[in-house]
Protein backbone atom coordinates (compact mmCIF):
# COMPACT_ATOMS: atom_id res chain seq x y z
CA MET A 1 0.01 0.05 0.05
CA ASP A 2 1.17 3.47 -0.66
CA ARG A 3 2.60 5.22 1.89
CA ILE A 4 0.63 8.15 2.11
CA TYR A 5 -2.60 6.04 2.03
CA GLU A 6 -1.42 4.35 4.84
CA ALA A 7 -0.93 7.70 7.07
CA LEU A 8 -4.54 8.59 5.47
CA GLU A 9 -6.19 5.41 7.23
CA PHE A 10 -3.94 4.87 9.68
CA ALA A 11 -4.50 8.95 11.27
CA ALA A 12 -8.47 8.47 10.42
CA LEU A 13 -8.64 5.03 12.79
CA ALA A 14 -6.76 7.37 15.70
CA HIS A 15 -8.88 9.74 14.72
CA GLU A 16 -12.21 7.84 14.49
CA GLY A 17 -14.82 10.00 16.69
CA GLN A 18 -13.24 12.71 17.20
CA PHE A 19 -14.92 16.24 15.55
CA ARG A 20 -14.06 19.33 14.97
CA LYS A 21 -14.82 22.09 17.29
CA ASN A 22 -16.59 23.89 13.96
CA PRO A 23 -20.74 24.57 15.88
CA SER A 24 -22.42 24.52 12.63
CA ARG A 25 -21.74 21.26 10.89
CA ARG A 26 -20.43 17.73 12.89
CA LEU A 27 -17.00 16.92 10.63
CA PRO A 28 -14.28 14.69 11.45
CA TYR A 29 -10.82 15.19 12.77
CA PHE A 30 -10.26 13.60 10.05
CA ILE A 31 -10.23 16.01 7.83
CA HIS A 32 -8.15 18.15 9.16
CA CYS A 33 -5.54 15.42 9.18
CA ALA A 34 -6.08 14.93 5.51
CA ALA A 35 -6.28 18.60 4.52
CA VAL A 36 -3.35 19.02 6.50
CA GLY A 37 -1.24 16.51 3.97
CA MET A 38 -3.11 18.20 0.70
CA THR A 39 -1.73 21.22 1.71
CA LEU A 40 2.16 20.68 2.18
CA GLN A 41 1.44 17.45 -1.11
CA LYS A 42 0.40 20.83 -3.20
CA ALA A 43 3.73 23.63 -1.95
CA GLY A 44 5.71 20.47 -3.40
CA PHE A 45 7.06 18.40 0.09
CA GLU A 46 8.21 15.06 0.14
CA ARG A 47 6.39 11.80 1.03
CA THR A 48 7.49 11.83 4.76
CA THR A 49 7.08 15.32 5.34
CA VAL A 50 3.24 15.16 3.82
CA ILE A 51 2.45 11.56 5.93
CA ALA A 52 4.05 13.42 9.33
CA GLY A 53 1.72 16.07 8.43
CA ILE A 54 -0.89 13.83 7.32
CA LEU A 55 -0.01 12.66 10.96
CA HIS A 56 0.49 15.59 12.94
CA ASP A 57 -1.90 14.95 15.61
CA THR A 58 -1.68 11.72 16.36
CA LEU A 59 1.05 12.05 19.75
CA GLU A 60 -1.07 15.39 21.14
CA ASP A 61 -4.90 13.71 20.40
CA THR A 62 -5.02 9.66 20.25
CA GLY A 63 -3.93 7.19 22.31
CA THR A 64 -1.12 6.81 19.29
CA SER A 65 3.00 6.36 21.01
CA PHE A 66 5.65 7.72 19.52
CA GLU A 67 6.34 3.96 19.10
CA ASP A 68 3.70 2.83 17.01
CA LEU A 69 4.43 5.66 14.54
CA PHE A 70 8.33 5.01 14.91
CA GLU A 71 7.29 1.06 13.89
CA HIS A 72 4.86 1.67 11.07
CA PHE A 73 6.33 4.37 9.73
CA GLY A 74 9.92 4.99 10.67
CA ARG A 75 11.83 7.42 13.07
CA ASP A 76 11.93 10.37 10.21
CA VAL A 77 8.25 10.53 10.71
CA ALA A 78 8.12 10.07 14.09
CA GLU A 79 10.04 12.73 14.93
CA LEU A 80 8.76 14.90 12.73
CA VAL A 81 5.08 13.99 14.21
CA ARG A 82 6.88 15.19 17.85
CA ALA A 83 8.23 18.01 16.63
CA VAL A 84 4.76 19.35 16.28
CA SER A 85 3.71 18.42 19.57
CA TYR A 86 2.74 19.51 22.43
CA PRO A 87 5.44 18.82 25.02
CA GLU A 88 2.92 19.65 28.01
CA PRO A 89 0.05 19.52 27.73
CA ASP A 90 -1.15 19.67 30.61
CA GLN A 91 0.25 22.99 30.85
CA PRO A 92 -1.73 26.11 30.86
CA TRP A 93 -3.15 27.23 27.54
CA ARG A 94 -0.93 30.41 26.78
CA GLU A 95 2.16 28.56 27.86
CA ARG A 96 1.94 25.99 25.93
CA LYS A 97 1.45 27.88 22.79
CA GLU A 98 4.42 30.08 24.50
CA ARG A 99 6.79 26.84 24.28
CA TYR A 100 5.59 26.64 20.76
CA ILE A 101 6.62 28.84 19.29
CA GLU A 102 9.94 29.30 21.20
CA HIS A 103 10.16 25.72 19.31
CA LEU A 104 9.80 26.60 16.21
CA SER A 105 12.60 28.49 16.05
CA GLU A 106 15.52 25.41 16.51
CA ALA A 107 12.96 23.26 14.60
CA ASP A 108 13.49 20.57 11.31
CA PRO A 109 12.25 23.15 8.83
CA ARG A 110 9.80 20.41 7.91
CA ALA A 111 8.50 21.35 11.25
CA VAL A 112 7.85 24.29 10.41
CA ALA A 113 6.30 23.49 7.47
CA ILE A 114 3.92 20.82 9.48
CA SER A 115 3.38 24.01 11.22
CA ALA A 116 2.41 26.47 8.74
CA ALA A 117 -0.11 24.36 7.33
CA ASP A 118 -1.79 23.07 10.61
CA LYS A 119 -2.20 26.43 11.16
CA THR A 120 -3.49 27.51 7.87
CA HIS A 121 -6.18 24.85 7.21
CA ASN A 122 -7.81 25.84 11.53
CA LEU A 123 -7.72 29.57 10.08
CA ARG A 124 -9.60 28.54 7.35
CA SER A 125 -11.75 27.02 10.25
CA LEU A 126 -12.30 29.45 12.39
CA LEU A 127 -12.64 32.61 9.96
CA ASP A 128 -15.69 30.20 8.37
CA GLU A 129 -17.39 29.44 11.91
CA ALA A 130 -16.64 33.31 13.41
CA PRO A 131 -17.51 34.96 15.73
CA GLN A 132 -19.65 30.99 17.22
CA ILE A 133 -16.36 29.25 16.73
CA PHE A 134 -14.55 31.35 19.86
CA GLU A 135 -17.58 29.33 22.25
CA HIS A 136 -15.57 26.67 22.14
CA MET A 137 -12.30 27.78 21.78
CA ASN A 138 -9.76 26.40 24.53
CA ALA A 139 -8.92 30.76 25.18
CA PRO A 140 -10.96 34.18 24.26
CA LYS A 141 -10.95 36.37 20.48
CA SER A 142 -8.45 38.29 21.71
CA GLU A 143 -5.52 35.82 22.60
CA GLN A 144 -6.28 33.65 19.77
CA GLN A 145 -5.24 36.57 17.88
CA TRP A 146 -1.79 37.02 19.73
CA TYR A 147 -1.78 33.16 19.22
CA TYR A 148 -1.86 33.74 15.23
CA ARG A 149 -0.02 36.29 14.77
CA THR A 150 2.77 35.17 17.32
CA VAL A 151 2.92 32.27 15.37
CA CYS A 152 2.63 33.80 12.14
CA ALA A 153 6.16 35.36 12.85
CA ALA A 154 7.52 32.65 13.85
CA LEU A 155 6.85 30.64 10.96
CA THR A 156 7.52 33.55 8.53
CA ALA A 157 10.83 34.32 10.06
CA ARG A 158 12.11 30.16 9.78
CA LEU A 159 10.44 29.73 5.78
CA GLY A 160 11.10 33.60 4.70
CA ALA A 161 7.37 35.99 3.60
CA ASP A 162 8.04 34.06 -0.27
CA HIS A 163 7.32 31.01 1.32
CA GLU A 164 4.01 29.43 -0.24
CA LEU A 165 2.66 28.00 2.53
CA VAL A 166 3.56 31.65 4.46
CA LYS A 167 1.63 33.38 1.68
CA ARG A 168 -0.78 31.21 2.34
CA LEU A 169 -1.71 31.41 5.80
CA GLN A 170 -0.22 35.46 5.88
CA PRO A 171 -3.58 37.13 4.52
CA LEU A 172 -5.60 34.42 6.63
CA VAL A 173 -4.27 35.60 9.56
CA ASP A 174 -4.82 39.31 8.28
CA ARG A 175 -8.36 38.38 8.17
CA PHE A 176 -8.58 36.80 11.52
CA LEU A 177 -6.85 39.63 13.38
CA ALA A 178 -9.53 42.26 10.57
CA MET A 179 -12.19 39.95 12.82
């Protein structure tokens, strides 16, 4: 089986029963995983990065372990997924986000690209559902705006303003900040 299809199947099973926070429609979480992978593939990233993009939330949001990813997809994919996962998910929201942004300054450039693709799809979802989406978020609108402004600046610093993923993300951040 093609490794990308294998990753899609793995993510679908790992996220089974999970849904996005979209209040107007009940979307399976897996849609987000596929969207991140597709964004990376369209941007020309190699198979390993696309696979890690599809699996990017498995360590954080499912019972999947690093060892599970290593066994099924190899060390490189498992390390990339770990690089985009919050290391201490029980920390307060702001602290977790600040540590993640700091981490981006030294992360593998492929992990930075995965993060950019993830934030792009997250913002599309937020903008589609605004303003009622904020009732379902873990932080208020002002904190969400701080996060997306700051994470976009960190991603731009690492990838460059001319990078295709930054060019997709920046207009979404601008729209989000103008809300």
